[in-house]
Each structure stands twice: as structure tokens, then as C-alpha cells.
Amino acid sequence: MVLIRNVFRLTGYTTLGASAGYALWTRKCTIVDVPRDDYIFQSTLFTRHNPNDSPVTQDLCLRRVPLEKIRPELLQEDGKLVQAFCAGVWSGWGFAFQRRYLEQKYKSKETADNLWSTEELAESSYEVGQRLVDHFEVVAKTDRSIMVRCGDSPRIREPRESDGLFELTVDVKRNEGVAEFGLKSVFFNALTLPGKEGQPVQGPMDAKIQWLHLQYDKILMETALVNVRKLKAQRN
């Protein structure tokens, strides 16, 4: 959570998030809650990494793009669109500061197998087990979804104080002529013991930090879409 605060403090994203230009740029993004009956909460991954069912901070950023605006080659083979979307999230300028920050802090011989450069992040196929900037690890992949564990170094295998799942999704709705892109976040402190006296009863982010995270979601969404849209359709 400190990392999110630092990203906004050092880049000026806080000011951007409150500006009229930012509101106009991200106006097509929709933020909704992740319903409690969402499959992510029933998954083995959630149970494994949050064994005490600790309270979560969650949100889902959605954005629709007309299929006619998307690069046609990404619609011809299952899985290509979500892979390009994922590559756009991590190699786009929205993630650039966080990438550089983590690179300066954690890149070493021990983390040499991670993706670090913009080029590596743009070209990866994001297979399960792939690690990114010593802060994310791909834990599930389908033709419509790529999920990463986040919050701390993937070198820490056990449940963590700062933990979570971040899912990038694409739902192609051909009958509506659109593709719906999603960034789903579920954060938790896996070391808490719900119900025990003195333990938190709410998720790990306070209202201010969650607001910052929502603005960051929108930035990641809009910059990622550059990687999937036709060149002449970048404003739609």
C-alpha cells in the first residue's frame, strides 16, 4: 500500500487524478465492486493465499472498446487479445514509474529471471510462473484471463502481510460488437485472524489509498488499450 502512495506522490498522479483532463481521458472507465459470489473468491488460489479468509479491499475497473477499433489479428486466435492487453498494462507508460522504482530497488542476480525491461514486458506471453519486477507472478492463465499474485516479492511463497490477486480479463461480446476489458483487484493481509480481538475487520486499504488505487487502475487501463487498438482508433 505504501508503494501505491509513493507512485502517486512522486509522479504527480494525485494531481492528475483530480484534474478535469484526467476525468475526460478516463470517462469511459467504470468502477464496480467485485461481487462476493465472484469465482475469484471460490478459487483455490484465493484460499491458498488467504487461508484465514481475511477481509479484502476489492474493486473492478471495466472499459468497453468497439471491436472495429481493435487490431483484427488479436481477434483471430483465442488468447491473443488478453495477452496483448496484459502486455499493454505492464509495458505501458502508466506502469513505467512503478517498473523503474522496483527495478532500482530489487533487480539483482537473485531476480534475474524476472521481466524487468519495457521490451521484455511487451513481448512476454505471460505463462504461469512468470515473474515481473519482483512484485508480481502469473498464477493462472486462460484465453480470457491472466491472473497475477501481487503485494510483495514472489520469492515469499507463504501467506503475506501485503498480498493479493490482480486479474486482467477480456470478454469479447460479438453480439454487441464490443470487447470488455477488466482489471480486477483483491487485496488482503493474509496474516490477520478475523474475529480475534484486536484484529482488523476491514480490508487493508483505507478510503484514501483505495481512491488512489482506483485512479491508478484507470491509468493502467487507458495506457494498456494503446496496445490493442488500431493506430487510427487510439482515441476511442
C-alpha atoms as a PDB file:
ATOM      1  CA  MET A   1       0.000   0.000   0.000  1.00  0.00           C
ATOM      2  CA  VAL A   2       2.972   2.298   0.637  1.00  0.00           C
ATOM      3  CA  LEU A   3       4.072   1.610  -2.939  1.00  0.00           C
ATOM      4  CA  ILE A   4       0.780   2.928  -4.339  1.00  0.00           C
ATOM      5  CA  ARG A   5       1.125   6.086  -2.247  1.00  0.00           C
ATOM      6  CA  ASN A   6       4.699   6.590  -3.477  1.00  0.00           C
ATOM      7  CA  VAL A   7       3.715   6.135  -7.116  1.00  0.00           C
ATOM      8  CA  PHE A   8       1.222   8.979  -6.842  1.00  0.00           C
ATOM      9  CA  ARG A   9       3.371  11.214  -4.657  1.00  0.00           C
ATOM     10  CA  LEU A  10       6.452  11.067  -6.877  1.00  0.00           C
ATOM     11  CA  THR A  11       4.754  11.139 -10.269  1.00  0.00           C
ATOM     12  CA  GLY A  12       2.089  13.738  -9.648  1.00  0.00           C
ATOM     13  CA  TYR A  13      -0.654  11.205 -10.406  1.00  0.00           C
ATOM     14  CA  THR A  14      -2.577  12.518  -7.373  1.00  0.00           C
ATOM     15  CA  THR A  15      -2.936  15.903  -9.052  1.00  0.00           C
ATOM     16  CA  LEU A  16      -3.679  14.197 -12.351  1.00  0.00           C
ATOM     17  CA  GLY A  17      -6.386  12.091 -10.727  1.00  0.00           C
ATOM     18  CA  ALA A  18      -8.202  15.229  -9.581  1.00  0.00           C
ATOM     19  CA  SER A  19      -7.909  17.114 -12.878  1.00  0.00           C
ATOM     20  CA  ALA A  20     -10.590  17.775 -15.465  1.00  0.00           C
ATOM     21  CA  GLY A  21      -8.339  16.409 -18.206  1.00  0.00           C
ATOM     22  CA  TYR A  22      -7.915  13.130 -16.356  1.00  0.00           C
ATOM     23  CA  ALA A  23     -11.674  12.849 -15.845  1.00  0.00           C
ATOM     24  CA  LEU A  24     -12.230  13.359 -19.560  1.00  0.00           C
ATOM     25  CA  TRP A  25      -9.494  10.882 -20.513  1.00  0.00           C
ATOM     26  CA  THR A  26     -10.821   8.131 -18.232  1.00  0.00           C
ATOM     27  CA  ARG A  27     -14.547   8.906 -18.576  1.00  0.00           C
ATOM     28  CA  LYS A  28     -15.242   5.579 -20.305  1.00  0.00           C
ATOM     29  CA  CYS A  29     -13.836   3.539 -17.411  1.00  0.00           C
ATOM     30  CA  THR A  30     -16.404   2.120 -14.996  1.00  0.00           C
ATOM     31  CA  ILE A  31     -15.572   1.123 -11.419  1.00  0.00           C
ATOM     32  CA  VAL A  32     -17.722  -1.526  -9.732  1.00  0.00           C
ATOM     33  CA  ASP A  33     -17.427  -3.827  -6.736  1.00  0.00           C
ATOM     34  CA  VAL A  34     -16.312  -7.409  -7.162  1.00  0.00           C
ATOM     35  CA  PRO A  35     -19.389  -9.387  -6.007  1.00  0.00           C
ATOM     36  CA  ARG A  36     -18.821 -11.745  -3.104  1.00  0.00           C
ATOM     37  CA  ASP A  37     -20.002 -14.660  -5.254  1.00  0.00           C
ATOM     38  CA  ASP A  38     -17.356 -13.918  -7.901  1.00  0.00           C
ATOM     39  CA  TYR A  39     -15.382 -17.012  -8.860  1.00  0.00           C
ATOM     40  CA  ILE A  40     -12.130 -15.486  -7.633  1.00  0.00           C
ATOM     41  CA  PHE A  41     -13.308 -15.834  -4.016  1.00  0.00           C
ATOM     42  CA  GLN A  42     -14.151 -19.505  -4.588  1.00  0.00           C
ATOM     43  CA  SER A  43     -10.841 -20.272  -6.260  1.00  0.00           C
ATOM     44  CA  THR A  44      -8.079 -22.456  -4.890  1.00  0.00           C
ATOM     45  CA  LEU A  45      -5.677 -19.546  -5.372  1.00  0.00           C
ATOM     46  CA  PHE A  46      -7.661 -17.264  -3.073  1.00  0.00           C
ATOM     47  CA  THR A  47      -7.992 -19.965  -0.425  1.00  0.00           C
ATOM     48  CA  ARG A  48      -4.304 -20.829  -0.630  1.00  0.00           C
ATOM     49  CA  HIS A  49      -3.018 -17.278  -0.338  1.00  0.00           C
ATOM     50  CA  ASN A  50      -5.676 -16.042   2.107  1.00  0.00           C
ATOM     51  CA  PRO A  51      -6.140 -19.119   4.324  1.00  0.00           C
ATOM     52  CA  ASN A  52      -7.800 -17.187   7.172  1.00  0.00           C
ATOM     53  CA  ASP A  53     -10.331 -15.559   4.833  1.00  0.00           C
ATOM     54  CA  SER A  54      -9.075 -12.163   5.969  1.00  0.00           C
ATOM     55  CA  PRO A  55     -11.095  -9.092   4.941  1.00  0.00           C
ATOM     56  CA  VAL A  56     -10.332  -7.714   1.496  1.00  0.00           C
ATOM     57  CA  THR A  57     -10.132  -4.436  -0.350  1.00  0.00           C
ATOM     58  CA  GLN A  58     -11.523  -5.055  -3.824  1.00  0.00           C
ATOM     59  CA  ASP A  59     -12.545  -3.252  -6.986  1.00  0.00           C
ATOM     60  CA  LEU A  60     -13.081  -3.885 -10.677  1.00  0.00           C
ATOM     61  CA  CYS A  61     -12.299  -1.404 -13.453  1.00  0.00           C
ATOM     62  CA  LEU A  62     -14.177  -2.077 -16.713  1.00  0.00           C
ATOM     63  CA  ARG A  63     -13.767  -0.498 -20.134  1.00  0.00           C
ATOM     64  CA  ARG A  64     -15.594  -1.299 -23.380  1.00  0.00           C
ATOM     65  CA  VAL A  65     -13.991  -0.875 -26.806  1.00  0.00           C
ATOM     66  CA  PRO A  66     -15.801  -1.413 -30.138  1.00  0.00           C
ATOM     67  CA  LEU A  67     -14.466  -4.483 -31.944  1.00  0.00           C
ATOM     68  CA  GLU A  68     -13.972  -2.394 -35.081  1.00  0.00           C
ATOM     69  CA  LYS A  69     -11.370  -0.354 -33.172  1.00  0.00           C
ATOM     70  CA  ILE A  70      -9.304  -3.399 -32.141  1.00  0.00           C
ATOM     71  CA  ARG A  71      -6.392  -4.760 -34.152  1.00  0.00           C
ATOM     72  CA  PRO A  72      -8.034  -7.566 -36.176  1.00  0.00           C
ATOM     73  CA  GLU A  73      -5.175 -10.051 -35.736  1.00  0.00           C
ATOM     74  CA  LEU A  74      -5.863 -10.074 -31.985  1.00  0.00           C
ATOM     75  CA  LEU A  75      -9.388 -11.356 -32.599  1.00  0.00           C
ATOM     76  CA  GLN A  76      -8.406 -14.210 -34.887  1.00  0.00           C
ATOM     77  CA  GLU A  77      -6.862 -16.523 -32.290  1.00  0.00           C
ATOM     78  CA  ASP A  78      -8.142 -17.287 -28.795  1.00  0.00           C
ATOM     79  CA  GLY A  79      -5.989 -15.801 -26.074  1.00  0.00           C
ATOM     80  CA  LYS A  80      -4.173 -13.239 -28.211  1.00  0.00           C
ATOM     81  CA  LEU A  81      -6.294 -10.288 -27.107  1.00  0.00           C
ATOM     82  CA  VAL A  82      -5.901 -10.839 -23.376  1.00  0.00           C
ATOM     83  CA  GLN A  83      -2.164 -11.419 -23.871  1.00  0.00           C
ATOM     84  CA  ALA A  84      -1.798  -8.118 -25.752  1.00  0.00           C
ATOM     85  CA  PHE A  85      -3.882  -6.360 -23.101  1.00  0.00           C
ATOM     86  CA  CYS A  86      -1.682  -7.788 -20.355  1.00  0.00           C
ATOM     87  CA  ALA A  87       1.476  -6.738 -22.198  1.00  0.00           C
ATOM     88  CA  GLY A  88      -0.010  -3.267 -22.577  1.00  0.00           C
ATOM     89  CA  VAL A  89      -0.630  -2.946 -18.841  1.00  0.00           C
ATOM     90  CA  TRP A  90       2.934  -3.803 -17.865  1.00  0.00           C
ATOM     91  CA  SER A  91       4.834  -2.192 -20.754  1.00  0.00           C
ATOM     92  CA  GLY A  92       2.690   0.959 -20.985  1.00  0.00           C
ATOM     93  CA  TRP A  93       3.712   4.314 -19.580  1.00  0.00           C
ATOM     94  CA  GLY A  94       1.100   4.019 -16.828  1.00  0.00           C
ATOM     95  CA  PHE A  95       3.255   1.350 -15.158  1.00  0.00           C
ATOM     96  CA  ALA A  96       6.576   2.960 -16.113  1.00  0.00           C
ATOM     97  CA  PHE A  97       7.319   4.674 -12.799  1.00  0.00           C
ATOM     98  CA  GLN A  98       6.471   1.637 -10.697  1.00  0.00           C
ATOM     99  CA  ARG A  99       8.591  -0.511 -13.011  1.00  0.00           C
ATOM    100  CA  ARG A 100      11.606   1.786 -12.627  1.00  0.00           C
ATOM    101  CA  TYR A 101      11.120   2.078  -8.874  1.00  0.00           C
ATOM    102  CA  LEU A 102      11.036  -1.690  -8.409  1.00  0.00           C
ATOM    103  CA  GLU A 103      13.916  -2.208 -10.819  1.00  0.00           C
ATOM    104  CA  GLN A 104      16.171   0.160  -8.892  1.00  0.00           C
ATOM    105  CA  LYS A 105      15.227  -1.429  -5.598  1.00  0.00           C
ATOM    106  CA  TYR A 106      15.053  -5.145  -6.346  1.00  0.00           C
ATOM    107  CA  LYS A 107      16.833  -6.076  -9.563  1.00  0.00           C
ATOM    108  CA  SER A 108      19.727  -8.422  -8.732  1.00  0.00           C
ATOM    109  CA  LYS A 109      21.254 -11.747  -9.646  1.00  0.00           C
ATOM    110  CA  GLU A 110      18.597 -13.386  -7.481  1.00  0.00           C
ATOM    111  CA  THR A 111      15.797 -11.805  -9.512  1.00  0.00           C
ATOM    112  CA  ALA A 112      17.421 -12.068 -12.941  1.00  0.00           C
ATOM    113  CA  ASP A 113      14.688 -14.440 -14.142  1.00  0.00           C
ATOM    114  CA  ASN A 114      12.051 -11.705 -13.751  1.00  0.00           C
ATOM    115  CA  LEU A 115      10.810  -9.449 -16.541  1.00  0.00           C
ATOM    116  CA  TRP A 116      12.332  -6.022 -15.992  1.00  0.00           C
ATOM    117  CA  SER A 117      12.605  -4.016 -19.209  1.00  0.00           C
ATOM    118  CA  THR A 118       9.786  -2.437 -21.172  1.00  0.00           C
ATOM    119  CA  GLU A 119      10.754  -4.636 -24.123  1.00  0.00           C
ATOM    120  CA  GLU A 120      10.547  -7.831 -22.063  1.00  0.00           C
ATOM    121  CA  LEU A 121       7.178  -6.827 -20.659  1.00  0.00           C
ATOM    122  CA  ALA A 122       5.875  -6.001 -24.138  1.00  0.00           C
ATOM    123  CA  GLU A 123       6.983  -9.294 -25.681  1.00  0.00           C
ATOM    124  CA  SER A 124       6.193 -11.829 -22.933  1.00  0.00           C
ATOM    125  CA  SER A 125       3.432 -14.409 -23.387  1.00  0.00           C
ATOM    126  CA  TYR A 126       2.779 -14.326 -19.606  1.00  0.00           C
ATOM    127  CA  GLU A 127       2.807 -18.032 -18.908  1.00  0.00           C
ATOM    128  CA  VAL A 128       2.063 -19.341 -15.421  1.00  0.00           C
ATOM    129  CA  GLY A 129       5.134 -18.953 -13.219  1.00  0.00           C
ATOM    130  CA  GLN A 130       6.473 -15.883 -15.000  1.00  0.00           C
ATOM    131  CA  ARG A 131       7.624 -13.226 -12.532  1.00  0.00           C
ATOM    132  CA  LEU A 132       7.544  -9.475 -13.094  1.00  0.00           C
ATOM    133  CA  VAL A 133       9.750  -6.861 -11.373  1.00  0.00           C
ATOM    134  CA  ASP A 134       9.965  -8.935  -8.173  1.00  0.00           C
ATOM    135  CA  HIS A 135       6.425  -7.890  -7.296  1.00  0.00           C
ATOM    136  CA  PHE A 136       4.072  -9.961  -9.466  1.00  0.00           C
ATOM    137  CA  GLU A 137       3.826 -13.603 -10.524  1.00  0.00           C
ATOM    138  CA  VAL A 138       1.462 -15.108 -13.087  1.00  0.00           C
ATOM    139  CA  VAL A 139      -0.580 -17.732 -11.236  1.00  0.00           C
ATOM    140  CA  ALA A 140      -3.334 -18.513 -13.763  1.00  0.00           C
ATOM    141  CA  LYS A 141      -3.926 -18.045 -17.480  1.00  0.00           C
ATOM    142  CA  THR A 142      -6.843 -18.783 -19.815  1.00  0.00           C
ATOM    143  CA  ASP A 143      -7.936 -17.456 -23.198  1.00  0.00           C
ATOM    144  CA  ARG A 144      -9.864 -14.692 -21.414  1.00  0.00           C
ATOM    145  CA  SER A 145      -7.882 -14.034 -18.256  1.00  0.00           C
ATOM    146  CA  ILE A 146      -4.382 -13.634 -16.854  1.00  0.00           C
ATOM    147  CA  MET A 147      -4.116 -13.519 -13.062  1.00  0.00           C
ATOM    148  CA  VAL A 148      -1.100 -12.448 -11.039  1.00  0.00           C
ATOM    149  CA  ARG A 149      -0.334 -12.627  -7.358  1.00  0.00           C
ATOM    150  CA  CYS A 150       0.754  -9.214  -6.110  1.00  0.00           C
ATOM    151  CA  GLY A 151       1.593  -7.224  -2.997  1.00  0.00           C
ATOM    152  CA  ASP A 152       5.127  -8.409  -2.249  1.00  0.00           C
ATOM    153  CA  SER A 153       8.009 -10.383  -3.706  1.00  0.00           C
ATOM    154  CA  PRO A 154       7.049 -13.712  -5.315  1.00  0.00           C
ATOM    155  CA  ARG A 155      10.112 -15.098  -3.552  1.00  0.00           C
ATOM    156  CA  ILE A 156       7.936 -15.130  -0.425  1.00  0.00           C
ATOM    157  CA  ARG A 157       5.823 -18.211  -1.031  1.00  0.00           C
ATOM    158  CA  GLU A 158       3.836 -18.305   2.209  1.00  0.00           C
ATOM    159  CA  PRO A 159       0.856 -16.019   3.018  1.00  0.00           C
ATOM    160  CA  ARG A 160       1.980 -12.412   3.371  1.00  0.00           C
ATOM    161  CA  GLU A 161       1.027  -9.260   5.226  1.00  0.00           C
ATOM    162  CA  SER A 162       0.711  -7.479   1.881  1.00  0.00           C
ATOM    163  CA  ASP A 163      -0.917  -9.913  -0.530  1.00  0.00           C
ATOM    164  CA  GLY A 164      -3.490 -10.059  -3.269  1.00  0.00           C
ATOM    165  CA  LEU A 165      -4.694 -11.226  -6.659  1.00  0.00           C
ATOM    166  CA  PHE A 166      -4.891  -8.983  -9.724  1.00  0.00           C
ATOM    167  CA  GLU A 167      -6.771 -10.333 -12.732  1.00  0.00           C
ATOM    168  CA  LEU A 168      -6.708  -8.920 -16.256  1.00  0.00           C
ATOM    169  CA  THR A 169      -9.731 -10.020 -18.266  1.00  0.00           C
ATOM    170  CA  VAL A 170     -11.209  -9.684 -21.741  1.00  0.00           C
ATOM    171  CA  ASP A 171     -14.781 -10.576 -22.674  1.00  0.00           C
ATOM    172  CA  VAL A 172     -15.450 -10.388 -26.425  1.00  0.00           C
ATOM    173  CA  LYS A 173     -19.175  -9.722 -26.894  1.00  0.00           C
ATOM    174  CA  ARG A 174     -19.595 -10.210 -30.625  1.00  0.00           C
ATOM    175  CA  ASN A 175     -23.371  -9.829 -30.475  1.00  0.00           C
ATOM    176  CA  GLU A 176     -22.839  -6.345 -29.014  1.00  0.00           C
ATOM    177  CA  GLY A 177     -19.826  -5.538 -31.176  1.00  0.00           C
ATOM    178  CA  VAL A 178     -17.553  -4.750 -28.231  1.00  0.00           C
ATOM    179  CA  ALA A 179     -14.751  -6.177 -26.131  1.00  0.00           C
ATOM    180  CA  GLU A 180     -14.973  -5.527 -22.409  1.00  0.00           C
ATOM    181  CA  PHE A 181     -11.617  -5.224 -20.649  1.00  0.00           C
ATOM    182  CA  GLY A 182     -11.315  -5.635 -16.894  1.00  0.00           C
ATOM    183  CA  LEU A 183      -8.787  -5.036 -14.119  1.00  0.00           C
ATOM    184  CA  LYS A 184      -9.933  -6.907 -11.019  1.00  0.00           C
ATOM    185  CA  SER A 185      -8.130  -6.312  -7.717  1.00  0.00           C
ATOM    186  CA  VAL A 186      -8.494  -8.236  -4.462  1.00  0.00           C
ATOM    187  CA  PHE A 187      -6.052  -7.215  -1.707  1.00  0.00           C
ATOM    188  CA  PHE A 188      -5.704  -8.683   1.780  1.00  0.00           C
ATOM    189  CA  ASN A 189      -3.443  -9.076   4.781  1.00  0.00           C
ATOM    190  CA  ALA A 190      -3.203 -12.856   4.886  1.00  0.00           C
ATOM    191  CA  LEU A 191      -1.653 -12.835   8.369  1.00  0.00           C
ATOM    192  CA  THR A 192      -4.690 -11.439  10.166  1.00  0.00           C
ATOM    193  CA  LEU A 193      -7.058 -13.628  12.183  1.00  0.00           C
ATOM    194  CA  PRO A 194     -10.630 -12.402  11.596  1.00  0.00           C
ATOM    195  CA  GLY A 195     -12.817 -12.478  14.677  1.00  0.00           C
ATOM    196  CA  LYS A 196      -9.908 -12.336  17.098  1.00  0.00           C
ATOM    197  CA  GLU A 197      -9.895  -9.338  19.423  1.00  0.00           C
ATOM    198  CA  GLY A 198      -7.756  -6.509  18.100  1.00  0.00           C
ATOM    199  CA  GLN A 199      -7.672  -7.845  14.548  1.00  0.00           C
ATOM    200  CA  PRO A 200      -8.896  -5.666  11.632  1.00  0.00           C
ATOM    201  CA  VAL A 201     -12.444  -6.159  10.392  1.00  0.00           C
ATOM    202  CA  GLN A 202     -11.916  -4.278   7.130  1.00  0.00           C
ATOM    203  CA  GLY A 203      -9.590  -4.704   4.164  1.00  0.00           C
ATOM    204  CA  PRO A 204      -6.004  -3.430   4.170  1.00  0.00           C
ATOM    205  CA  MET A 205      -6.609  -0.152   2.285  1.00  0.00           C
ATOM    206  CA  ASP A 206      -8.188   2.899   3.867  1.00  0.00           C
ATOM    207  CA  ALA A 207     -10.524   5.068   1.784  1.00  0.00           C
ATOM    208  CA  LYS A 208      -7.775   7.436   0.604  1.00  0.00           C
ATOM    209  CA  ILE A 209      -5.422   4.688  -0.556  1.00  0.00           C
ATOM    210  CA  GLN A 210      -8.241   2.851  -2.301  1.00  0.00           C
ATOM    211  CA  TRP A 211      -9.195   6.067  -4.106  1.00  0.00           C
ATOM    212  CA  LEU A 212      -5.596   6.398  -5.288  1.00  0.00           C
ATOM    213  CA  HIS A 213      -5.629   2.787  -6.419  1.00  0.00           C
ATOM    214  CA  LEU A 214      -8.807   3.344  -8.420  1.00  0.00           C
ATOM    215  CA  GLN A 215      -7.201   6.267 -10.242  1.00  0.00           C
ATOM    216  CA  TYR A 216      -4.150   4.109 -10.933  1.00  0.00           C
ATOM    217  CA  ASP A 217      -6.423   1.378 -12.307  1.00  0.00           C
ATOM    218  CA  LYS A 218      -7.874   3.841 -14.794  1.00  0.00           C
ATOM    219  CA  ILE A 219      -4.412   4.976 -15.877  1.00  0.00           C
ATOM    220  CA  LEU A 220      -3.282   1.376 -16.366  1.00  0.00           C
ATOM    221  CA  MET A 221      -6.447   0.628 -18.324  1.00  0.00           C
ATOM    222  CA  GLU A 222      -6.197   3.542 -20.727  1.00  0.00           C
ATOM    223  CA  THR A 223      -2.477   3.107 -21.373  1.00  0.00           C
ATOM    224  CA  ALA A 224      -2.887  -0.657 -21.862  1.00  0.00           C
ATOM    225  CA  LEU A 225      -5.522  -0.178 -24.551  1.00  0.00           C
ATOM    226  CA  VAL A 226      -2.955   1.549 -26.754  1.00  0.00           C
ATOM    227  CA  ASN A 227      -1.512  -1.922 -27.298  1.00  0.00           C
ATOM    228  CA  VAL A 228      -4.747  -3.459 -28.598  1.00  0.00           C
ATOM    229  CA  ARG A 229      -6.365  -0.721 -30.657  1.00  0.00           C
ATOM    230  CA  LYS A 230      -5.833   0.103 -34.291  1.00  0.00           C
ATOM    231  CA  LEU A 231      -3.487   3.048 -34.730  1.00  0.00           C
ATOM    232  CA  LYS A 232      -6.229   5.292 -36.127  1.00  0.00           C
ATOM    233  CA  ALA A 233      -8.601   4.378 -33.291  1.00  0.00           C
ATOM    234  CA  GLN A 234      -6.454   5.341 -30.308  1.00  0.00           C
ATOM    235  CA  ARG A 235      -8.919   7.929 -29.005  1.00  0.00           C
ATOM    236  CA  ASN A 236     -11.938   5.627 -28.856  1.00  0.00           C
END
